[in-house]
């Protein structure tokens, strides 16, 4: 679980950095980068949750 917390912290840091660069430069590619990082992190979180639920179902059966 420590690895997941570190990964979550790095994701927040990278999204925050991209948003800060967007606020400073007003270059829309940094906003797109923040959105892309967020979207990919949601996909990974959904996949991780699905595997976790699948593991729980297998352990019950």
Foldseek 3Di string as FASTA:
>chain_A
DVVVVVVVVVLVVQLVVLVVVCVVPVDCVSVVVSVVSVVVVVVVVVVVVVVVVVVVVVVVD
